[in-house]
PDB file of N, CA and C in Angstrom:
ATOM      1  N   MET A   1      16.121   0.335 -23.796  1.00  0.00           N
ATOM      2  CA  MET A   1      15.037   1.247 -23.532  1.00  0.00           C
ATOM      3  C   MET A   1      15.580   2.598 -23.076  1.00  0.00           C
ATOM      4  N   ARG A   2      16.569   2.564 -22.208  1.00  0.00           N
ATOM      5  CA  ARG A   2      17.096   3.838 -21.687  1.00  0.00           C
ATOM      6  C   ARG A   2      17.643   4.708 -22.823  1.00  0.00           C
ATOM      7  N   ARG A   3      18.347   4.098 -23.777  1.00  0.00           N
ATOM      8  CA  ARG A   3      18.875   4.889 -24.898  1.00  0.00           C
ATOM      9  C   ARG A   3      17.752   5.488 -25.736  1.00  0.00           C
ATOM     10  N   TRP A   4      16.688   4.734 -25.890  1.00  0.00           N
ATOM     11  CA  TRP A   4      15.590   5.154 -26.750  1.00  0.00           C
ATOM     12  C   TRP A   4      14.749   6.254 -26.106  1.00  0.00           C
ATOM     13  N   THR A   5      14.436   6.104 -24.806  1.00  0.00           N
ATOM     14  CA  THR A   5      13.513   7.042 -24.155  1.00  0.00           C
ATOM     15  C   THR A   5      14.128   7.862 -23.038  1.00  0.00           C
ATOM     16  N   GLY A   6      15.286   7.417 -22.540  1.00  0.00           N
ATOM     17  CA  GLY A   6      15.869   8.072 -21.379  1.00  0.00           C
ATOM     18  C   GLY A   6      15.338   7.506 -20.071  1.00  0.00           C
ATOM     19  N   ASN A   7      14.417   6.557 -20.169  1.00  0.00           N
ATOM     20  CA  ASN A   7      13.817   5.940 -18.987  1.00  0.00           C
ATOM     21  C   ASN A   7      14.138   4.454 -18.958  1.00  0.00           C
ATOM     22  N   SER A   8      14.119   3.896 -17.769  1.00  0.00           N
ATOM     23  CA  SER A   8      14.295   2.455 -17.657  1.00  0.00           C
ATOM     24  C   SER A   8      12.945   1.771 -17.877  1.00  0.00           C
ATOM     25  N   ALA A   9      12.998   0.512 -18.239  1.00  0.00           N
ATOM     26  CA  ALA A   9      11.778  -0.267 -18.417  1.00  0.00           C
ATOM     27  C   ALA A   9      11.794  -1.403 -17.412  1.00  0.00           C
ATOM     28  N   ARG A  10      10.603  -1.764 -16.954  1.00  0.00           N
ATOM     29  CA  ARG A  10      10.500  -2.861 -15.997  1.00  0.00           C
ATOM     30  C   ARG A  10       9.326  -3.739 -16.355  1.00  0.00           C
ATOM     31  N   THR A  11       9.477  -5.006 -16.098  1.00  0.00           N
ATOM     32  CA  THR A  11       8.337  -5.906 -16.199  1.00  0.00           C
ATOM     33  C   THR A  11       7.712  -6.001 -14.814  1.00  0.00           C
ATOM     34  N   VAL A  12       6.407  -6.078 -14.791  1.00  0.00           N
ATOM     35  CA  VAL A  12       5.706  -6.136 -13.520  1.00  0.00           C
ATOM     36  C   VAL A  12       4.747  -7.318 -13.548  1.00  0.00           C
ATOM     37  N   PRO A  13       5.152  -8.431 -12.945  1.00  0.00           N
ATOM     38  CA  PRO A  13       4.233  -9.562 -12.896  1.00  0.00           C
ATOM     39  C   PRO A  13       3.157  -9.293 -11.839  1.00  0.00           C
ATOM     40  N   ALA A  14       1.920  -9.476 -12.224  1.00  0.00           N
ATOM     41  CA  ALA A  14       0.816  -9.259 -11.282  1.00  0.00           C
ATOM     42  C   ALA A  14      -0.326 -10.197 -11.648  1.00  0.00           C
ATOM     43  N   THR A  15      -0.930 -10.775 -10.647  1.00  0.00           N
ATOM     44  CA  THR A  15      -2.076 -11.649 -10.885  1.00  0.00           C
ATOM     45  C   THR A  15      -3.335 -10.806 -11.055  1.00  0.00           C
ATOM     46  N   ARG A  16      -4.368 -11.414 -11.631  1.00  0.00           N
ATOM     47  CA  ARG A  16      -5.656 -10.719 -11.747  1.00  0.00           C
ATOM     48  C   ARG A  16      -6.163 -10.324 -10.367  1.00  0.00           C
ATOM     49  N   ALA A  17      -5.960 -11.210  -9.383  1.00  0.00           N
ATOM     50  CA  ALA A  17      -6.418 -10.922  -8.017  1.00  0.00           C
ATOM     51  C   ALA A  17      -5.714  -9.683  -7.457  1.00  0.00           C
ATOM     52  N   HIS A  18      -4.413  -9.590  -7.707  1.00  0.00           N
ATOM     53  CA  HIS A  18      -3.664  -8.427  -7.225  1.00  0.00           C
ATOM     54  C   HIS A  18      -4.143  -7.150  -7.924  1.00  0.00           C
ATOM     55  N   LEU A  19      -4.355  -7.228  -9.232  1.00  0.00           N
ATOM     56  CA  LEU A  19      -4.860  -6.060  -9.965  1.00  0.00           C
ATOM     57  C   LEU A  19      -6.248  -5.671  -9.479  1.00  0.00           C
ATOM     58  N   ALA A  20      -7.087  -6.661  -9.185  1.00  0.00           N
ATOM     59  CA  ALA A  20      -8.435  -6.382  -8.675  1.00  0.00           C
ATOM     60  C   ALA A  20      -8.368  -5.684  -7.323  1.00  0.00           C
ATOM     61  N   GLN A  21      -7.449  -6.132  -6.484  1.00  0.00           N
ATOM     62  CA  GLN A  21      -7.265  -5.494  -5.183  1.00  0.00           C
ATOM     63  C   GLN A  21      -6.816  -4.045  -5.365  1.00  0.00           C
ATOM     64  N   MET A  22      -5.913  -3.828  -6.310  1.00  0.00           N
ATOM     65  CA  MET A  22      -5.442  -2.467  -6.584  1.00  0.00           C
ATOM     66  C   MET A  22      -6.592  -1.594  -7.085  1.00  0.00           C
ATOM     67  N   ALA A  23      -7.450  -2.150  -7.937  1.00  0.00           N
ATOM     68  CA  ALA A  23      -8.595  -1.392  -8.453  1.00  0.00           C
ATOM     69  C   ALA A  23      -9.562  -1.063  -7.327  1.00  0.00           C
ATOM     70  N   ALA A  24      -9.815  -2.031  -6.448  1.00  0.00           N
ATOM     71  CA  ALA A  24     -10.755  -1.827  -5.345  1.00  0.00           C
ATOM     72  C   ALA A  24     -10.280  -0.734  -4.388  1.00  0.00           C
ATOM     73  N   THR A  25      -8.964  -0.612  -4.241  1.00  0.00           N
ATOM     74  CA  THR A  25      -8.418   0.419  -3.352  1.00  0.00           C
ATOM     75  C   THR A  25      -8.081   1.703  -4.116  1.00  0.00           C
ATOM     76  N   LYS A  26      -8.421   1.689  -5.403  1.00  0.00           N
ATOM     77  CA  LYS A  26      -8.192   2.848  -6.280  1.00  0.00           C
ATOM     78  C   LYS A  26      -6.730   3.288  -6.295  1.00  0.00           C
ATOM     79  N   ALA A  27      -5.855   2.301  -6.403  1.00  0.00           N
ATOM     80  CA  ALA A  27      -4.416   2.569  -6.466  1.00  0.00           C
ATOM     81  C   ALA A  27      -4.104   3.376  -7.723  1.00  0.00           C
ATOM     82  N   GLY A  28      -3.527   4.546  -7.549  1.00  0.00           N
ATOM     83  CA  GLY A  28      -3.221   5.437  -8.657  1.00  0.00           C
ATOM     84  C   GLY A  28      -2.280   4.845  -9.696  1.00  0.00           C
ATOM     85  N   ILE A  29      -1.395   3.955  -9.258  1.00  0.00           N
ATOM     86  CA  ILE A  29      -0.441   3.364 -10.191  1.00  0.00           C
ATOM     87  C   ILE A  29      -1.154   2.574 -11.280  1.00  0.00           C
ATOM     88  N   LEU A  30      -2.321   2.022 -10.955  1.00  0.00           N
ATOM     89  CA  LEU A  30      -3.073   1.260 -11.943  1.00  0.00           C
ATOM     90  C   LEU A  30      -3.499   2.154 -13.104  1.00  0.00           C
ATOM     91  N   ASP A  31      -3.886   3.374 -12.802  1.00  0.00           N
ATOM     92  CA  ASP A  31      -4.232   4.335 -13.859  1.00  0.00           C
ATOM     93  C   ASP A  31      -3.018   4.677 -14.712  1.00  0.00           C
ATOM     94  N   GLU A  32      -1.864   4.799 -14.064  1.00  0.00           N
ATOM     95  CA  GLU A  32      -0.636   5.077 -14.807  1.00  0.00           C
ATOM     96  C   GLU A  32      -0.279   3.908 -15.713  1.00  0.00           C
ATOM     97  N   TRP A  33      -0.435   2.687 -15.198  1.00  0.00           N
ATOM     98  CA  TRP A  33      -0.156   1.515 -16.028  1.00  0.00           C
ATOM     99  C   TRP A  33      -1.111   1.451 -17.202  1.00  0.00           C
ATOM    100  N   GLU A  34      -2.375   1.776 -16.950  1.00  0.00           N
ATOM    101  CA  GLU A  34      -3.355   1.764 -18.043  1.00  0.00           C
ATOM    102  C   GLU A  34      -2.944   2.747 -19.140  1.00  0.00           C
ATOM    103  N   ARG A  35      -2.463   3.897 -18.743  1.00  0.00           N
ATOM    104  CA  ARG A  35      -2.052   4.933 -19.687  1.00  0.00           C
ATOM    105  C   ARG A  35      -0.749   4.590 -20.401  1.00  0.00           C
ATOM    106  N   ASP A  36       0.220   4.057 -19.666  1.00  0.00           N
ATOM    107  CA  ASP A  36       1.580   3.929 -20.185  1.00  0.00           C
ATOM    108  C   ASP A  36       1.995   2.523 -20.608  1.00  0.00           C
ATOM    109  N   ALA A  37       1.210   1.509 -20.270  1.00  0.00           N
ATOM    110  CA  ALA A  37       1.625   0.120 -20.499  1.00  0.00           C
ATOM    111  C   ALA A  37       1.857  -0.175 -21.974  1.00  0.00           C
ATOM    112  N   ARG A  38       2.876  -0.968 -22.225  1.00  0.00           N
ATOM    113  CA  ARG A  38       3.173  -1.476 -23.560  1.00  0.00           C
ATOM    114  C   ARG A  38       3.283  -2.986 -23.428  1.00  0.00           C
ATOM    115  N   THR A  39       2.365  -3.686 -24.024  1.00  0.00           N
ATOM    116  CA  THR A  39       2.351  -5.144 -23.926  1.00  0.00           C
ATOM    117  C   THR A  39       3.358  -5.732 -24.900  1.00  0.00           C
ATOM    118  N   LEU A  40       4.234  -6.574 -24.389  1.00  0.00           N
ATOM    119  CA  LEU A  40       5.223  -7.237 -25.230  1.00  0.00           C
ATOM    120  C   LEU A  40       4.744  -8.614 -25.650  1.00  0.00           C
ATOM    121  N   THR A  41       4.030  -9.280 -24.771  1.00  0.00           N
ATOM    122  CA  THR A  41       3.517 -10.615 -25.064  1.00  0.00           C
ATOM    123  C   THR A  41       2.321 -10.885 -24.160  1.00  0.00           C
ATOM    124  N   GLY A  42       1.457 -11.759 -24.585  1.00  0.00           N
ATOM    125  CA  GLY A  42       0.305 -12.114 -23.759  1.00  0.00           C
ATOM    126  C   GLY A  42      -0.855 -11.148 -23.931  1.00  0.00           C
ATOM    127  N   GLN A  43      -1.751 -11.172 -22.953  1.00  0.00           N
ATOM    128  CA  GLN A  43      -2.955 -10.346 -23.003  1.00  0.00           C
ATOM    129  C   GLN A  43      -2.596  -8.864 -22.932  1.00  0.00           C
ATOM    130  N   ASP A  44      -3.294  -8.059 -23.717  1.00  0.00           N
ATOM    131  CA  ASP A  44      -3.048  -6.622 -23.741  1.00  0.00           C
ATOM    132  C   ASP A  44      -3.276  -6.021 -22.357  1.00  0.00           C
ATOM    133  N   ALA A  45      -2.267  -5.362 -21.833  1.00  0.00           N
ATOM    134  CA  ALA A  45      -2.319  -4.820 -20.474  1.00  0.00           C
ATOM    135  C   ALA A  45      -3.433  -3.791 -20.304  1.00  0.00           C
ATOM    136  N   ARG A  46      -3.599  -2.912 -21.264  1.00  0.00           N
ATOM    137  CA  ARG A  46      -4.638  -1.876 -21.133  1.00  0.00           C
ATOM    138  C   ARG A  46      -6.029  -2.491 -21.070  1.00  0.00           C
ATOM    139  N   ASN A  47      -6.302  -3.447 -21.959  1.00  0.00           N
ATOM    140  CA  ASN A  47      -7.612  -4.095 -21.943  1.00  0.00           C
ATOM    141  C   ASN A  47      -7.825  -4.863 -20.640  1.00  0.00           C
ATOM    142  N   LEU A  48      -6.786  -5.502 -20.142  1.00  0.00           N
ATOM    143  CA  LEU A  48      -6.897  -6.230 -18.888  1.00  0.00           C
ATOM    144  C   LEU A  48      -7.230  -5.270 -17.747  1.00  0.00           C
ATOM    145  N   ILE A  49      -6.543  -4.161 -17.670  1.00  0.00           N
ATOM    146  CA  ILE A  49      -6.792  -3.192 -16.601  1.00  0.00           C
ATOM    147  C   ILE A  49      -8.197  -2.615 -16.713  1.00  0.00           C
ATOM    148  N   LEU A  50      -8.658  -2.328 -17.933  1.00  0.00           N
ATOM    149  CA  LEU A  50     -10.027  -1.846 -18.113  1.00  0.00           C
ATOM    150  C   LEU A  50     -11.039  -2.879 -17.628  1.00  0.00           C
ATOM    151  N   THR A  51     -10.799  -4.152 -17.948  1.00  0.00           N
ATOM    152  CA  THR A  51     -11.682  -5.226 -17.497  1.00  0.00           C
ATOM    153  C   THR A  51     -11.677  -5.335 -15.980  1.00  0.00           C
ATOM    154  N   ILE A  52     -10.509  -5.235 -15.385  1.00  0.00           N
ATOM    155  CA  ILE A  52     -10.388  -5.294 -13.921  1.00  0.00           C
ATOM    156  C   ILE A  52     -11.186  -4.154 -13.296  1.00  0.00           C
ATOM    157  N   HIS A  53     -11.077  -2.946 -13.845  1.00  0.00           N
ATOM    158  CA  HIS A  53     -11.842  -1.796 -13.332  1.00  0.00           C
ATOM    159  C   HIS A  53     -13.343  -2.052 -13.464  1.00  0.00           C
ATOM    160  N   GLU A  54     -13.769  -2.585 -14.593  1.00  0.00           N
ATOM    161  CA  GLU A  54     -15.192  -2.872 -14.784  1.00  0.00           C
ATOM    162  C   GLU A  54     -15.678  -3.896 -13.765  1.00  0.00           C
ATOM    163  N   ASP A  55     -14.910  -4.963 -13.575  1.00  0.00           N
ATOM    164  CA  ASP A  55     -15.279  -6.005 -12.623  1.00  0.00           C
ATOM    165  C   ASP A  55     -15.325  -5.483 -11.188  1.00  0.00           C
ATOM    166  N   ALA A  56     -14.445  -4.532 -10.877  1.00  0.00           N
ATOM    167  CA  ALA A  56     -14.379  -3.970  -9.515  1.00  0.00           C
ATOM    168  C   ALA A  56     -15.390  -2.839  -9.304  1.00  0.00           C
ATOM    169  N   GLY A  57     -16.058  -2.444 -10.387  1.00  0.00           N
ATOM    170  CA  GLY A  57     -17.008  -1.333 -10.284  1.00  0.00           C
ATOM    171  C   GLY A  57     -16.328   0.015 -10.166  1.00  0.00           C
ATOM    172  N   THR A  58     -15.091   0.087 -10.647  1.00  0.00           N
ATOM    173  CA  THR A  58     -14.344   1.347 -10.565  1.00  0.00           C
ATOM    174  C   THR A  58     -14.046   1.923 -11.948  1.00  0.00           C
ATOM    175  N   ALA A  59     -14.786   1.439 -12.951  1.00  0.00           N
ATOM    176  CA  ALA A  59     -14.562   1.932 -14.325  1.00  0.00           C
ATOM    177  C   ALA A  59     -14.928   3.394 -14.409  1.00  0.00           C
ATOM    178  N   ARG A  60     -14.202   4.105 -15.239  1.00  0.00           N
ATOM    179  CA  ARG A  60     -14.479   5.542 -15.427  1.00  0.00           C
ATOM    180  C   ARG A  60     -15.334   5.743 -16.633  1.00  0.00           C
TER     181      ARG A  60
END
């Protein structure tokens, strides 16, 4: 990843409960993840974050 973009890549394991807590507190990093996330496997990260925001009542 570093050779390709100049940036490092990280995996971030997070439960739905943790993401919901982040949405409820309006954690700015969640917006960054929504914008920048690239799903490698499993549920699409952007759709998950949008759903979490909707469930928390913080959807834009």
